[in-house]
Amino acid sequence: MLHLKSIGTPLVLALALLSLAGCDQAEKSAQQMLDQAAESAKQAIDKTNEAAQQALGDAIGHEGEKPKAAETEPRTQGI
């Protein structure tokens, strides 16, 4: 019985160290997944921003042409 107790303590410590090492590996994997998700989200935001800027530019450009065309028409004043 004394022999099992002397083996049990180092065995428990070894298992604890292995589980901590496993937790560390799981944490590293989770961090990598979060980094990848953050990078994907950043790319999606950048693409959305570019599309929004393009749409805004198109909208302003088309609306901006109408007043310019109106200004080029000769202005006459009726009496």
N, C-alpha and C. Protein backbone atom coordinates (compact mmCIF):
# COMPACT_ATOMS: atom_id res chain seq x y z
N MET A 1 0.81 -1.18 0.00
CA MET A 1 0.00 0.00 0.00
C MET A 1 0.87 1.26 0.00
N LEU A 2 1.94 1.24 0.73
CA LEU A 2 2.85 2.37 0.79
C LEU A 2 3.48 2.61 -0.58
N HIS A 3 3.71 1.52 -1.30
CA HIS A 3 4.30 1.61 -2.63
C HIS A 3 3.36 2.35 -3.61
N LEU A 4 2.06 2.11 -3.56
CA LEU A 4 1.10 2.77 -4.44
C LEU A 4 0.99 4.25 -4.13
N LYS A 5 1.06 4.63 -2.86
CA LYS A 5 1.00 6.04 -2.51
C LYS A 5 2.22 6.78 -3.02
N SER A 6 3.40 6.14 -2.97
CA SER A 6 4.60 6.82 -3.44
C SER A 6 4.60 6.97 -4.96
N ILE A 7 3.94 6.09 -5.67
CA ILE A 7 3.82 6.21 -7.13
C ILE A 7 2.68 7.16 -7.49
N GLY A 8 1.65 7.20 -6.67
CA GLY A 8 0.46 7.99 -6.96
C GLY A 8 0.72 9.48 -7.04
N THR A 9 1.53 10.01 -6.12
CA THR A 9 1.79 11.45 -6.10
C THR A 9 2.51 11.91 -7.36
N PRO A 10 3.62 11.26 -7.76
CA PRO A 10 4.26 11.68 -9.02
C PRO A 10 3.37 11.47 -10.23
N LEU A 11 2.55 10.43 -10.19
CA LEU A 11 1.64 10.16 -11.30
C LEU A 11 0.60 11.28 -11.42
N VAL A 12 0.06 11.71 -10.30
CA VAL A 12 -0.91 12.80 -10.31
C VAL A 12 -0.25 14.09 -10.80
N LEU A 13 0.96 14.34 -10.34
CA LEU A 13 1.68 15.54 -10.81
C LEU A 13 1.96 15.47 -12.31
N ALA A 14 2.34 14.30 -12.79
CA ALA A 14 2.62 14.14 -14.22
C ALA A 14 1.35 14.35 -15.03
N LEU A 15 0.24 13.81 -14.56
CA LEU A 15 -1.03 14.00 -15.27
C LEU A 15 -1.45 15.47 -15.26
N ALA A 16 -1.21 16.14 -14.14
CA ALA A 16 -1.53 17.56 -14.06
C ALA A 16 -0.70 18.36 -15.06
N LEU A 17 0.59 18.04 -15.15
CA LEU A 17 1.45 18.73 -16.11
C LEU A 17 1.02 18.46 -17.55
N LEU A 18 0.65 17.22 -17.83
CA LEU A 18 0.17 16.90 -19.17
C LEU A 18 -1.12 17.65 -19.49
N SER A 19 -2.01 17.74 -18.52
CA SER A 19 -3.26 18.46 -18.79
C SER A 19 -3.00 19.95 -18.97
N LEU A 20 -2.03 20.50 -18.22
CA LEU A 20 -1.68 21.91 -18.41
C LEU A 20 -1.07 22.13 -19.78
N ALA A 21 -0.23 21.19 -20.21
CA ALA A 21 0.37 21.29 -21.54
C ALA A 21 -0.73 21.21 -22.60
N GLY A 22 -1.71 20.37 -22.39
CA GLY A 22 -2.84 20.26 -23.32
C GLY A 22 -3.65 21.54 -23.35
N CYS A 23 -3.83 22.15 -22.19
CA CYS A 23 -4.57 23.42 -22.12
C CYS A 23 -3.80 24.52 -22.84
N ASP A 24 -2.49 24.51 -22.69
CA ASP A 24 -1.67 25.52 -23.37
C ASP A 24 -1.79 25.37 -24.88
N GLN A 25 -1.76 24.13 -25.35
CA GLN A 25 -1.90 23.88 -26.78
C GLN A 25 -3.28 24.30 -27.26
N ALA A 26 -4.30 24.00 -26.47
CA ALA A 26 -5.66 24.40 -26.84
C ALA A 26 -5.77 25.92 -26.88
N GLU A 27 -5.12 26.59 -25.95
CA GLU A 27 -5.16 28.05 -25.92
C GLU A 27 -4.47 28.62 -27.16
N LYS A 28 -3.34 28.03 -27.54
CA LYS A 28 -2.64 28.50 -28.74
C LYS A 28 -3.50 28.30 -29.98
N SER A 29 -4.15 27.14 -30.06
CA SER A 29 -5.01 26.88 -31.22
C SER A 29 -6.18 27.85 -31.26
N ALA A 30 -6.77 28.10 -30.10
CA ALA A 30 -7.89 29.05 -30.04
C ALA A 30 -7.43 30.44 -30.44
N GLN A 31 -6.23 30.84 -30.00
CA GLN A 31 -5.72 32.16 -30.36
C GLN A 31 -5.49 32.27 -31.86
N GLN A 32 -4.96 31.19 -32.46
CA GLN A 32 -4.76 31.20 -33.92
C GLN A 32 -6.09 31.33 -34.65
N MET A 33 -7.10 30.61 -34.16
CA MET A 33 -8.41 30.69 -34.80
C MET A 33 -9.00 32.09 -34.66
N LEU A 34 -8.82 32.70 -33.49
CA LEU A 34 -9.32 34.07 -33.29
C LEU A 34 -8.58 35.05 -34.19
N ASP A 35 -7.28 34.87 -34.34
CA ASP A 35 -6.51 35.75 -35.22
C ASP A 35 -6.98 35.63 -36.66
N GLN A 36 -7.23 34.39 -37.10
CA GLN A 36 -7.71 34.18 -38.46
C GLN A 36 -9.09 34.79 -38.64
N ALA A 37 -9.96 34.63 -37.65
CA ALA A 37 -11.30 35.21 -37.74
C ALA A 37 -11.23 36.73 -37.77
N ALA A 38 -10.33 37.30 -36.97
CA ALA A 38 -10.18 38.76 -36.96
C ALA A 38 -9.66 39.26 -38.30
N GLU A 39 -8.73 38.54 -38.90
CA GLU A 39 -8.21 38.94 -40.20
C GLU A 39 -9.29 38.85 -41.28
N SER A 40 -10.08 37.79 -41.24
CA SER A 40 -11.18 37.64 -42.20
C SER A 40 -12.20 38.76 -42.03
N ALA A 41 -12.51 39.09 -40.78
CA ALA A 41 -13.46 40.17 -40.52
C ALA A 41 -12.90 41.50 -41.02
N LYS A 42 -11.62 41.73 -40.82
CA LYS A 42 -10.99 42.97 -41.29
C LYS A 42 -11.07 43.07 -42.81
N GLN A 43 -10.79 41.96 -43.48
CA GLN A 43 -10.87 41.97 -44.94
C GLN A 43 -12.30 42.24 -45.42
N ALA A 44 -13.26 41.63 -44.74
CA ALA A 44 -14.66 41.85 -45.11
C ALA A 44 -15.05 43.31 -44.90
N ILE A 45 -14.60 43.88 -43.80
CA ILE A 45 -14.91 45.29 -43.53
C ILE A 45 -14.25 46.19 -44.56
N ASP A 46 -13.00 45.88 -44.93
CA ASP A 46 -12.31 46.69 -45.93
C ASP A 46 -13.02 46.62 -47.28
N LYS A 47 -13.46 45.42 -47.67
CA LYS A 47 -14.15 45.27 -48.95
C LYS A 47 -15.50 45.99 -48.92
N THR A 48 -16.19 45.89 -47.79
CA THR A 48 -17.47 46.59 -47.66
C THR A 48 -17.27 48.09 -47.72
N ASN A 49 -16.23 48.57 -47.07
CA ASN A 49 -15.93 50.00 -47.09
C ASN A 49 -15.61 50.47 -48.51
N GLU A 50 -14.82 49.69 -49.23
CA GLU A 50 -14.49 50.06 -50.61
C GLU A 50 -15.75 50.11 -51.47
N ALA A 51 -16.63 49.11 -51.29
CA ALA A 51 -17.86 49.08 -52.07
C ALA A 51 -18.75 50.27 -51.72
N ALA A 52 -18.81 50.60 -50.44
CA ALA A 52 -19.63 51.74 -50.02
C ALA A 52 -19.05 53.05 -50.56
N GLN A 53 -17.74 53.18 -50.54
CA GLN A 53 -17.10 54.39 -51.08
C GLN A 53 -17.38 54.50 -52.58
N GLN A 54 -17.31 53.37 -53.27
CA GLN A 54 -17.57 53.38 -54.71
C GLN A 54 -19.02 53.77 -54.98
N ALA A 55 -19.94 53.18 -54.21
CA ALA A 55 -21.35 53.50 -54.41
C ALA A 55 -21.63 54.97 -54.10
N LEU A 56 -21.02 55.47 -53.05
CA LEU A 56 -21.19 56.88 -52.71
C LEU A 56 -20.61 57.78 -53.80
N GLY A 57 -19.45 57.41 -54.30
CA GLY A 57 -18.85 58.18 -55.38
C GLY A 57 -19.71 58.17 -56.63
N ASP A 58 -20.27 57.00 -56.93
CA ASP A 58 -21.17 56.92 -58.09
C ASP A 58 -22.41 57.78 -57.89
N ALA A 59 -22.96 57.73 -56.69
CA ALA A 59 -24.18 58.50 -56.41
C ALA A 59 -23.90 59.99 -56.46
N ILE A 60 -22.82 60.40 -55.88
CA ILE A 60 -22.47 61.83 -55.90
C ILE A 60 -22.10 62.26 -57.31
N GLY A 61 -21.41 61.41 -58.02
CA GLY A 61 -21.00 61.73 -59.39
C GLY A 61 -22.20 61.91 -60.30
N HIS A 62 -23.19 61.02 -60.18
CA HIS A 62 -24.37 61.13 -61.04
C HIS A 62 -25.21 62.33 -60.64
N GLU A 63 -25.35 62.57 -59.36
CA GLU A 63 -26.12 63.73 -58.92
C GLU A 63 -25.37 65.02 -59.22
N GLY A 64 -24.05 64.97 -59.17
CA GLY A 64 -23.24 66.15 -59.43
C GLY A 64 -23.29 66.57 -60.88
N GLU A 65 -23.53 65.62 -61.78
CA GLU A 65 -23.58 65.95 -63.20
C GLU A 65 -24.84 66.73 -63.54
N LYS A 66 -25.94 66.49 -62.85
CA LYS A 66 -27.20 67.15 -63.17
C LYS A 66 -27.11 68.66 -62.97
N PRO A 67 -26.60 69.14 -61.83
CA PRO A 67 -26.50 70.59 -61.70
C PRO A 67 -25.51 71.20 -62.70
N LYS A 68 -24.46 70.50 -63.03
CA LYS A 68 -23.51 71.02 -64.00
C LYS A 68 -24.18 71.19 -65.36
N ALA A 69 -24.99 70.21 -65.74
CA ALA A 69 -25.69 70.30 -67.02
C ALA A 69 -26.68 71.46 -66.98
N ALA A 70 -27.31 71.68 -65.87
CA ALA A 70 -28.27 72.79 -65.74
C ALA A 70 -27.56 74.13 -65.82
N GLU A 71 -26.36 74.20 -65.30
CA GLU A 71 -25.61 75.46 -65.32
C GLU A 71 -25.13 75.80 -66.73
N THR A 72 -24.88 74.80 -67.55
CA THR A 72 -24.39 75.07 -68.89
C THR A 72 -25.47 75.55 -69.84
N GLU A 73 -26.73 75.33 -69.48
CA GLU A 73 -27.82 75.82 -70.34
C GLU A 73 -27.86 77.34 -70.28
N PRO A 74 -28.11 77.97 -71.37
CA PRO A 74 -28.16 79.43 -71.35
C PRO A 74 -29.34 79.93 -70.51
N ARG A 75 -29.06 80.89 -69.71
CA ARG A 75 -30.10 81.45 -68.85
C ARG A 75 -30.73 82.65 -69.57
N THR A 76 -31.99 82.58 -69.74
CA THR A 76 -32.71 83.70 -70.35
C THR A 76 -33.77 84.19 -69.39
N GLN A 77 -33.98 85.45 -69.45
CA GLN A 77 -34.95 86.05 -68.56
C GLN A 77 -36.08 86.58 -69.41
N GLY A 78 -37.25 86.11 -69.13
CA GLY A 78 -38.41 86.55 -69.91
C GLY A 78 -38.94 87.86 -69.38
N ILE A 79 -39.35 88.69 -70.32
CA ILE A 79 -39.90 89.99 -69.95
C ILE A 79 -41.38 89.98 -70.14
